[in-house]
Protein backbone atom coordinates (compact mmCIF):
# COMPACT_ATOMS: atom_id res chain seq x y z
CA UNK A 1 4.64 7.23 19.00
CA UNK A 2 5.88 3.89 17.60
CA UNK A 3 6.24 2.38 21.04
CA UNK A 4 2.82 3.42 21.99
CA UNK A 5 1.38 1.74 18.70
CA UNK A 6 3.02 -1.59 19.22
CA UNK A 7 2.45 -1.87 22.89
CA UNK A 8 -1.42 -1.23 22.11
CA UNK A 9 -1.66 -3.87 19.17
CA UNK A 10 1.15 -6.25 19.40
CA UNK A 11 0.66 -9.79 20.36
CA UNK A 12 -3.24 -9.47 19.83
CA UNK A 13 -5.36 -11.33 17.50
CA UNK A 14 -7.69 -8.85 15.92
CA UNK A 15 -9.05 -9.72 12.64
CA UNK A 16 -12.49 -8.46 11.89
CA UNK A 17 -14.84 -10.38 9.53
CA UNK A 18 -14.78 -7.51 7.14
CA UNK A 19 -11.02 -7.18 7.46
CA UNK A 20 -10.55 -10.87 6.72
CA UNK A 21 -12.94 -10.65 3.72
CA UNK A 22 -10.96 -7.76 2.08
CA UNK A 23 -7.69 -9.32 2.82
CA UNK A 24 -8.58 -12.61 1.05
CA UNK A 25 -9.93 -10.80 -1.94
CA UNK A 26 -6.76 -8.53 -2.02
CA UNK A 27 -4.36 -11.62 -1.64
CA UNK A 28 -6.47 -13.43 -4.53
CA UNK A 29 -5.96 -10.38 -6.77
CA UNK A 30 -2.29 -10.36 -5.97
CA UNK A 31 -2.02 -13.85 -7.28
CA UNK A 32 -4.13 -13.44 -10.34
CA UNK A 33 -3.40 -10.06 -11.61
CA UNK A 34 -0.78 -9.40 -14.24
CA UNK A 35 2.67 -8.65 -12.81
CA UNK A 36 2.43 -5.07 -13.65
CA UNK A 37 -0.76 -4.63 -11.69
CA UNK A 38 0.62 -6.35 -8.40
CA UNK A 39 0.99 -2.68 -7.11
CA UNK A 40 -2.87 -2.28 -6.80
CA UNK A 41 -3.70 -4.79 -4.28
CA UNK A 42 -0.47 -4.13 -2.36
CA UNK A 43 -1.31 -0.43 -2.08
CA UNK A 44 -4.93 -1.13 -1.32
CA UNK A 45 -3.73 -3.29 1.71
CA UNK A 46 -2.41 0.03 3.06
CA UNK A 47 -6.01 1.23 3.34
CA UNK A 48 -6.62 -1.62 6.07
CA UNK A 49 -5.69 -0.43 9.72
CA UNK A 50 -2.51 -2.04 11.00
CA UNK A 51 -4.47 -3.04 13.99
CA UNK A 52 -6.03 -5.99 11.71
CA UNK A 53 -3.51 -8.71 12.52
CA UNK A 54 -3.10 -12.24 13.57
CA UNK A 55 -0.25 -13.78 15.80
CA UNK A 56 1.50 -16.97 14.43
CA UNK A 57 4.20 -18.42 16.83
CA UNK A 58 4.62 -15.02 18.68
CA UNK A 59 4.99 -13.03 15.35
CA UNK A 60 2.40 -10.46 14.37
CA UNK A 61 1.25 -10.47 11.03
CA UNK A 62 -0.80 -7.62 9.94
CA UNK A 63 -2.41 -7.43 6.51
CA UNK A 64 0.27 -5.79 5.03
CA UNK A 65 2.76 -8.66 6.16
CA UNK A 66 0.37 -11.23 4.99
CA UNK A 67 0.18 -9.70 1.52
CA UNK A 68 4.06 -9.76 1.37
CA UNK A 69 3.81 -13.47 2.10
CA UNK A 70 1.48 -14.14 -0.72
CA UNK A 71 3.36 -11.77 -3.12
CA UNK A 72 6.63 -13.73 -2.36
CA UNK A 73 4.98 -16.96 -2.92
CA UNK A 74 3.67 -15.94 -6.24
CA UNK A 75 7.10 -14.51 -7.21
CA UNK A 76 8.77 -17.85 -6.18
CA UNK A 77 6.30 -19.88 -8.34
CA UNK A 78 6.57 -17.33 -11.50
CA UNK A 79 9.45 -18.35 -13.84
CA UNK A 80 11.46 -15.59 -15.54
CA UNK A 81 11.51 -12.99 -12.74
CA UNK A 82 15.11 -11.99 -12.53
CA UNK A 83 16.47 -9.68 -9.93
CA UNK A 84 19.85 -7.96 -10.64
CA UNK A 85 21.36 -6.50 -7.50
CA UNK A 86 23.14 -3.21 -7.46
CA UNK A 87 24.67 -0.93 -4.85
CA UNK A 88 21.45 0.33 -3.49
CA UNK A 89 20.21 -3.28 -3.01
CA UNK A 90 23.48 -4.30 -1.18
CA UNK A 91 23.23 -1.18 1.02
CA UNK A 92 19.70 -1.90 2.14
CA UNK A 93 20.79 -5.58 2.90
CA UNK A 94 23.68 -4.18 5.01
CA UNK A 95 21.48 -1.78 6.80
CA UNK A 96 18.99 -4.52 7.73
CA UNK A 97 21.90 -6.90 9.06
CA UNK A 98 23.69 -4.30 11.16
CA UNK A 99 20.17 -3.13 12.52
CA UNK A 100 19.63 -6.82 13.53
CA UNK A 101 23.00 -7.36 15.04
CA UNK A 102 22.70 -4.14 16.96
CA UNK A 103 19.17 -5.22 18.43
CA UNK A 104 20.88 -8.68 19.39
CA UNK A 105 23.48 -6.88 21.51
CA UNK A 106 20.87 -4.47 23.22
CA UNK A 107 19.19 -4.77 26.40
CA UNK A 108 15.92 -3.50 25.03
CA UNK A 109 12.98 -5.91 25.87
CA UNK A 110 11.93 -7.92 22.93
CA UNK A 111 14.35 -5.93 20.63
CA UNK A 112 15.35 -8.88 18.60
CA UNK A 113 11.87 -10.13 18.04
CA UNK A 114 10.82 -6.54 17.03
CA UNK A 115 13.87 -6.08 14.65
CA UNK A 116 13.01 -9.41 12.91
CA UNK A 117 9.81 -8.01 12.21
CA UNK A 118 11.06 -4.95 10.91
CA UNK A 119 13.67 -6.87 8.84
CA UNK A 120 10.75 -8.98 7.28
CA UNK A 121 8.79 -5.91 6.48
CA UNK A 122 11.83 -4.00 5.11
CA UNK A 123 13.41 -6.95 3.04
CA UNK A 124 10.15 -8.41 2.13
CA UNK A 125 8.58 -5.23 0.73
CA UNK A 126 11.66 -3.58 -0.85
CA UNK A 127 12.56 -6.60 -2.89
CA UNK A 128 9.08 -7.69 -3.76
CA UNK A 129 8.75 -4.07 -5.18
CA UNK A 130 12.04 -4.31 -6.88
CA UNK A 131 10.76 -7.52 -8.80
CA UNK A 132 7.37 -5.88 -9.83
CA UNK A 133 9.07 -2.71 -10.80
CA UNK A 134 11.52 -3.77 -13.58
CA UNK A 135 11.53 -0.35 -15.39
CA UNK A 136 10.16 3.06 -15.37
CA UNK A 137 6.97 2.06 -17.41
CA UNK A 138 5.92 0.24 -14.36
CA UNK A 139 6.02 3.41 -12.32
CA UNK A 140 3.15 4.77 -14.65
CA UNK A 141 1.10 1.81 -13.42
CA UNK A 142 1.80 2.41 -9.81
CA UNK A 143 0.87 6.08 -10.31
CA UNK A 144 -2.68 5.04 -11.80
CA UNK A 145 -3.30 2.62 -8.91
CA UNK A 146 -2.54 5.19 -6.32
CA UNK A 147 -4.79 7.73 -7.91
CA UNK A 148 -7.41 5.37 -7.90
CA UNK A 149 -6.99 4.54 -4.28
CA UNK A 150 -6.73 8.30 -3.45
CA UNK A 151 -10.52 8.76 -4.56
CA UNK A 152 -12.23 6.51 -1.99
CA UNK A 153 -9.63 7.45 0.60
CA UNK A 154 -10.29 11.31 0.34
CA UNK A 155 -13.85 10.52 0.61
CA UNK A 156 -13.49 8.73 3.93
CA UNK A 157 -11.11 11.42 5.37
CA UNK A 158 -13.74 14.04 4.23
CA UNK A 159 -16.32 12.26 6.34
CA UNK A 160 -13.96 12.00 9.25
CA UNK A 161 -13.26 15.74 8.88
CA UNK A 162 -16.79 16.70 8.99
CA UNK A 163 -18.01 14.24 11.58
CA UNK A 164 -15.08 13.97 13.86
CA UNK A 165 -15.40 10.29 13.86
CA UNK A 166 -13.12 7.64 11.88
CA UNK A 167 -14.99 5.46 9.35
CA UNK A 168 -12.27 2.78 10.03
CA UNK A 169 -12.47 2.51 13.74
CA UNK A 170 -14.69 -0.44 13.78
CA UNK A 171 -11.72 -2.47 12.45
CA UNK A 172 -9.39 -1.37 15.31
CA UNK A 173 -5.94 0.06 15.22
CA UNK A 174 -7.26 3.68 14.80
CA UNK A 175 -9.24 5.80 17.40
CA UNK A 176 -12.94 6.24 16.96
CA UNK A 177 -12.92 9.89 17.69
CA UNK A 178 -10.64 12.00 15.41
CA UNK A 179 -7.89 13.90 17.49
CA UNK A 180 -7.94 17.80 17.68
CA UNK A 181 -5.29 20.18 17.80
CA UNK A 182 -5.38 24.03 17.85
CA UNK A 183 -9.08 23.85 16.75
CA UNK A 184 -8.39 21.67 13.78
CA UNK A 185 -9.53 18.22 13.23
CA UNK A 186 -6.53 15.82 12.17
CA UNK A 187 -8.07 13.15 10.26
CA UNK A 188 -5.93 9.97 9.75
CA UNK A 189 -8.33 7.43 7.96
CA UNK A 190 -6.82 3.90 8.10
CA UNK A 191 -3.33 5.07 9.11
CA UNK A 192 -1.89 4.95 12.49
CA UNK A 193 -1.24 8.68 12.88
CA UNK A 194 -2.41 11.78 10.85
CA UNK A 195 1.15 12.65 9.98
CA UNK A 196 1.69 9.00 8.51
CA UNK A 197 -1.46 9.39 6.37
CA UNK A 198 -0.19 12.84 5.08
CA UNK A 199 3.23 11.59 4.25
CA UNK A 200 1.93 8.63 2.29
CA UNK A 201 -0.35 10.59 0.02
CA UNK A 202 2.17 13.39 -0.33
CA UNK A 203 4.78 11.03 -1.70
CA UNK A 204 2.32 9.38 -3.80
CA UNK A 205 2.17 12.62 -5.94
CA UNK A 206 5.74 11.84 -7.04
CA UNK A 207 4.24 9.05 -9.20
CA UNK A 208 0.75 10.39 -9.87
CA UNK A 209 1.64 13.61 -11.47
CA UNK A 210 4.07 12.20 -14.12
CA UNK A 211 1.10 9.92 -15.39
CA UNK A 212 -0.68 13.16 -16.48
CA UNK A 213 2.05 13.78 -19.10
CA UNK A 214 2.35 10.24 -20.29
CA UNK A 215 -1.34 9.02 -20.38
CA UNK A 216 -3.52 11.75 -22.25
CA UNK A 217 -6.68 9.54 -22.18
CA UNK A 218 -6.25 9.29 -18.33
CA UNK A 219 -5.36 12.96 -17.54
CA UNK A 220 -8.49 14.15 -16.06
CA UNK A 221 -8.64 11.14 -13.72
CA UNK A 222 -4.97 11.57 -12.86
CA UNK A 223 -5.60 15.24 -11.93
CA UNK A 224 -8.55 14.34 -9.87
CA UNK A 225 -6.27 11.64 -8.18
CA UNK A 226 -3.61 14.41 -7.65
CA UNK A 227 -6.18 16.73 -6.10
CA UNK A 228 -7.43 14.14 -3.85
CA UNK A 229 -4.14 13.36 -2.66
CA UNK A 230 -3.52 17.01 -1.74
CA UNK A 231 -6.94 17.22 -0.06
CA UNK A 232 -5.99 14.38 2.24
CA UNK A 233 -2.82 16.29 3.23
CA UNK A 234 -4.99 19.24 4.08
CA UNK A 235 -7.39 17.03 6.22
CA UNK A 236 -4.34 15.62 8.09
CA UNK A 237 -3.63 19.14 9.32
CA UNK A 238 0.04 18.45 10.05
CA UNK A 239 3.12 20.60 9.01
CA UNK A 240 5.21 17.63 8.10
CA UNK A 241 3.26 16.47 4.91
CA UNK A 242 2.45 20.15 4.08
CA UNK A 243 6.14 20.58 3.83
CA UNK A 244 6.51 17.43 1.87
CA UNK A 245 3.99 18.70 -0.68
CA UNK A 246 5.94 22.13 -0.77
CA UNK A 247 9.11 20.24 -1.54
CA UNK A 248 7.44 18.20 -4.37
CA UNK A 249 6.08 21.44 -5.86
CA UNK A 250 9.55 23.10 -5.86
CA UNK A 251 10.89 19.87 -7.52
CA UNK A 252 8.23 20.45 -10.10
CA UNK A 253 9.04 24.00 -10.68
CA UNK A 254 12.76 23.27 -11.13
CA UNK A 255 12.28 20.39 -13.72
CA UNK A 256 13.44 22.56 -16.75
CA UNK A 257 16.71 23.32 -14.76
CA UNK A 258 17.17 19.53 -13.93
CA UNK A 259 20.44 19.35 -15.71
CA UNK A 260 21.91 21.56 -12.89
CA UNK A 261 21.29 18.78 -10.42
CA UNK A 262 24.89 17.57 -10.20
CA UNK A 263 25.76 21.22 -9.24
CA UNK A 264 23.04 21.15 -6.46
CA UNK A 265 24.74 18.10 -4.94
CA UNK A 266 27.58 20.38 -4.12
CA UNK A 267 25.82 23.73 -3.48
CA UNK A 268 23.17 22.39 -0.83
CA UNK A 269 25.57 20.77 1.39
CA UNK A 270 28.10 23.42 1.21
CA UNK A 271 25.00 26.09 1.88
CA UNK A 272 23.89 24.18 4.99
CA UNK A 273 27.40 23.96 6.14
CA UNK A 274 27.84 27.66 5.69
CA UNK A 275 24.67 28.35 7.36
CA UNK A 276 25.64 26.31 10.36
CA UNK A 277 28.80 28.48 10.90
CA UNK A 278 27.12 31.76 10.15
CA UNK A 279 24.02 31.37 12.32
CA UNK A 280 24.13 31.98 16.09
CA UNK A 281 22.34 28.64 16.40
CA UNK A 282 22.89 25.33 14.84
CA UNK A 283 21.53 24.85 11.15
CA UNK A 284 18.87 22.27 12.62
CA UNK A 285 17.40 25.22 14.75
CA UNK A 286 15.42 26.03 11.52
CA UNK A 287 13.11 23.03 12.38
CA UNK A 288 12.16 25.01 15.47
CA UNK A 289 10.82 27.77 13.52
CA UNK A 290 8.41 25.64 11.32
CA UNK A 291 4.74 25.96 12.09
CA UNK A 292 2.69 25.91 9.11
CA UNK A 293 -0.77 24.76 10.22
CA UNK A 294 -0.56 25.87 13.83
CA UNK A 295 0.00 23.70 16.89
CA UNK A 296 3.21 22.26 15.28
CA UNK A 297 5.84 20.75 17.53
CA UNK A 298 8.92 22.10 15.51
CA UNK A 299 10.67 23.18 18.66
CA UNK A 300 10.34 19.68 20.13
CA UNK A 301 12.06 18.43 17.17
CA UNK A 302 14.80 20.96 17.07
CA UNK A 303 15.55 20.05 21.09
CA UNK A 304 15.48 16.19 20.28
CA UNK A 305 18.10 16.56 17.51
CA UNK A 306 20.09 19.03 19.43
CA UNK A 307 20.21 16.87 22.47
CA UNK A 308 21.01 13.75 20.21
CA UNK A 309 24.34 15.52 19.02
CA UNK A 310 25.05 16.90 22.36
CA UNK A 311 24.90 13.23 23.80
CA UNK A 312 26.76 11.49 20.98
CA UNK A 313 29.05 9.94 23.60
CA UNK A 314 25.86 7.81 24.64
CA UNK A 315 25.07 6.22 21.36
CA UNK A 316 27.99 6.69 18.97
CA UNK A 317 29.44 3.44 19.00
CA UNK A 318 26.74 0.86 19.57
CA UNK A 319 23.61 2.70 20.31
CA UNK A 320 22.03 3.47 23.66
CA UNK A 321 19.23 1.68 25.72
CA UNK A 322 18.92 4.69 28.04
CA UNK A 323 16.33 6.47 26.00
CA UNK A 324 15.88 10.24 25.67
CA UNK A 325 14.07 11.12 28.83
CA UNK A 326 17.01 11.99 30.91
CA UNK A 327 18.10 14.43 27.97
CA UNK A 328 15.21 16.55 28.71
CA UNK A 329 11.97 15.86 30.60
CA UNK A 330 9.93 16.38 27.55
CA UNK A 331 11.73 14.17 25.12
CA UNK A 332 9.56 11.16 25.25
CA UNK A 333 8.48 10.82 21.65
CA UNK A 334 11.42 10.36 19.30
CA UNK A 335 9.99 11.99 16.27
CA UNK A 336 13.24 11.74 14.07
CA UNK A 337 14.20 8.59 12.20
CA UNK A 338 17.86 9.52 12.06
CA UNK A 339 17.89 9.81 15.97
CA UNK A 340 16.28 6.46 16.12
CA UNK A 341 18.89 4.93 13.95
CA UNK A 342 21.55 6.30 16.12
CA UNK A 343 19.98 5.28 19.39
CA UNK A 344 19.33 1.66 18.09
CA UNK A 345 22.85 0.98 16.51
CA UNK A 346 25.19 3.94 16.68
CA UNK A 347 27.05 5.41 13.95
CA UNK A 348 27.33 2.37 11.78
CA UNK A 349 23.42 2.09 11.52
CA UNK A 350 23.19 5.64 10.78
CA UNK A 351 25.97 5.51 7.96
CA UNK A 352 24.27 2.50 6.19
CA UNK A 353 20.96 4.22 6.27
CA UNK A 354 22.45 7.46 4.91
CA UNK A 355 24.22 5.14 2.27
CA UNK A 356 20.80 3.82 1.39
CA UNK A 357 19.56 7.57 0.73
CA UNK A 358 22.79 8.45 -1.05
CA UNK A 359 22.78 5.49 -3.58
CA UNK A 360 19.02 6.12 -4.38
CA UNK A 361 19.74 9.61 -5.44
CA UNK A 362 22.77 8.41 -7.40
CA UNK A 363 20.45 5.98 -9.29
CA UNK A 364 18.06 8.66 -10.02
CA UNK A 365 20.95 10.94 -11.23
CA UNK A 366 21.87 8.08 -13.67
CA UNK A 367 18.42 7.90 -14.87
CA UNK A 368 18.60 11.67 -15.64
CA UNK A 369 21.84 11.35 -17.51
CA UNK A 370 20.29 8.77 -19.90
CA UNK A 371 18.08 11.59 -21.36
CA UNK A 372 18.40 12.33 -24.85
CA UNK A 373 17.54 16.17 -25.07
CA UNK A 374 16.58 16.05 -28.76
CA UNK A 375 13.92 13.60 -28.14
CA UNK A 376 10.60 14.69 -26.82
CA UNK A 377 9.62 11.10 -25.50
CA UNK A 378 12.86 11.00 -23.79
CA UNK A 379 12.14 14.50 -22.13
CA UNK A 380 8.78 13.28 -21.07
CA UNK A 381 10.37 10.17 -19.59
CA UNK A 382 12.60 12.38 -17.33
CA UNK A 383 9.48 13.64 -15.73
CA UNK A 384 9.03 10.19 -14.24
CA UNK A 385 12.69 10.21 -12.94
CA UNK A 386 12.26 13.71 -11.53
CA UNK A 387 8.96 12.53 -9.68
CA UNK A 388 11.07 9.63 -7.99
CA UNK A 389 13.68 12.44 -6.93
CA UNK A 390 10.90 14.46 -5.53
CA UNK A 391 9.59 11.42 -3.42
CA UNK A 392 13.07 10.64 -2.15
CA UNK A 393 13.38 14.19 -1.15
CA UNK A 394 10.05 14.27 0.64
CA UNK A 395 10.94 11.05 2.59
CA UNK A 396 14.44 12.39 3.49
CA UNK A 397 13.04 15.50 4.89
CA UNK A 398 10.06 13.82 6.56
CA UNK A 399 12.42 11.76 8.55
CA UNK A 400 13.70 14.75 10.41
CA UNK A 401 10.17 15.01 11.89
CA UNK A 402 8.74 11.77 12.02
CA UNK A 403 9.59 7.99 12.33
CA UNK A 404 7.55 5.74 9.94
CA UNK A 405 5.68 2.80 10.82
CA UNK A 406 2.86 0.80 9.64
CA UNK A 407 1.73 1.14 6.15
CA UNK A 408 3.68 4.34 5.27
CA UNK A 409 7.00 2.38 5.29
CA UNK A 410 5.74 0.68 2.16
CA UNK A 411 5.75 4.01 0.32
CA UNK A 412 9.48 4.48 1.45
CA UNK A 413 10.45 1.13 0.03
CA UNK A 414 8.53 1.90 -3.17
CA UNK A 415 10.59 5.23 -3.48
CA UNK A 416 13.82 3.17 -3.10
CA UNK A 417 12.72 0.47 -5.55
CA UNK A 418 11.46 3.19 -8.01
CA UNK A 419 15.12 4.84 -7.66
CA UNK A 420 16.65 1.51 -8.62
CA UNK A 421 14.28 1.21 -11.49
CA UNK A 422 15.50 4.74 -12.96
CA UNK A 423 18.77 3.06 -13.70
CA UNK A 424 17.03 0.81 -16.32
CA UNK A 425 16.99 2.34 -19.79
CA UNK A 426 13.97 3.97 -21.34
CA UNK A 427 10.39 2.68 -21.48
CA UNK A 428 10.73 1.12 -25.00
CA UNK A 429 14.16 -0.60 -24.47
CA UNK A 430 15.47 -2.31 -21.36
CA UNK A 431 19.20 -2.19 -21.04
CA UNK A 432 20.97 -5.04 -19.74
CA UNK A 433 23.16 -4.53 -16.68
CA UNK A 434 26.30 -6.28 -16.05
CA UNK A 435 25.53 -7.08 -12.46
CA UNK A 436 24.70 -10.48 -10.38
CA UNK A 437 21.39 -11.79 -11.35
CA UNK A 438 19.32 -13.74 -8.83
CA UNK A 439 16.63 -16.08 -10.59
CA UNK A 440 13.81 -15.55 -8.02
CA UNK A 441 11.21 -17.72 -9.77
CA UNK A 442 12.85 -20.91 -9.08
CA UNK A 443 10.19 -23.20 -7.52
CA UNK A 444 7.88 -23.89 -10.38
CA UNK A 445 10.76 -24.67 -12.85
CA UNK A 446 12.46 -27.04 -10.41
CA UNK A 447 9.09 -28.71 -9.47
CA UNK A 448 8.21 -28.99 -13.35
CA UNK A 449 11.55 -30.70 -14.00
CA UNK A 450 11.12 -33.21 -11.02
CA UNK A 451 7.59 -33.95 -12.26
CA UNK A 452 8.84 -34.60 -15.72
CA UNK A 453 11.38 -37.20 -14.44
């Protein structure tokens, strides 16, 4: 899926006048809006198909990459922005580095150039989001922005679902005619695949729903935004985002038992390991039984992961350039991000990626431990942290069935940045952390000092 997309649009200048105008407006807003509202133009850029791009020096810049460059330019010009590095940040940097080193030693055509682009996307979006997400209060602003953007998106998806034609097709990057499967139209809107659209808006529920409990005057609008997000998932007609919504619903139902989360860290792994030895098939065989909306390819995903484990000798130490086709004649589409990590860089890349997930959940756990159970405001704030935990769980499970690319990666990096923000104290008081601080907004103070001399 990923390869087909990039082969179709890489190294191609394709910027429609409408796309150019919208990009210019969003970039201007990204510079002018208050820091806490920088989420809005960034998320709005996700509603422009990734096929809208320009090529500079052999490097592709889609709209989101252009917005990241503008966002970093503003961050470097704004004094007072301080980024405190934590274990999650260091793990993220390590994962990008080992992935780049693995690409340099591989024989994949254009592997280094593509990995440089991926590193730009990952480091640029994650650390930009870290800077504009200093605490949990900013998560409420992000939830409001996503709820507002969900409304026009669901209208476009509804039109696509009824007419079978994508309203964003004139911009390129998405097909004109909506794909069918088992008698269902799979709407995708501006996203590169229906599953990616569904995963994006399923995860968005993790920050939209908590706003309902914190902003009473916006409650009706936030409920409307949450319903719109769920409807987008329905229009996508894909099992993976539906399962993600189900996971989010389970998290919502277990909020009052959140204090048993440390116990779940032990029970869930032990339960999965026990199932693995008690079942006739390996525990990942459960993926083959998932068929929620009909026409699902759960069996393909099971076979892919099963063959990945059986052929560990090919990829374990340094990845593999042999691909997956020789494992089974039908394993062309590698719909599992963990498998992709192993194929691209071996066990080291897998471990660093899993460390990112682990440290993100640890940060969420620290946020939950800061709750004052006798304070109603503190309990409401835990809803925000629990929503971030739900987002992380959705992404972690989604990666067993899909490899993110395009705009949906921004939602994954947002979830990680939100997890790091959960370590900060409550909404009303920021707790100083004894960690290395990087003063990002350096250019403007330095320039003013030079000009003064």
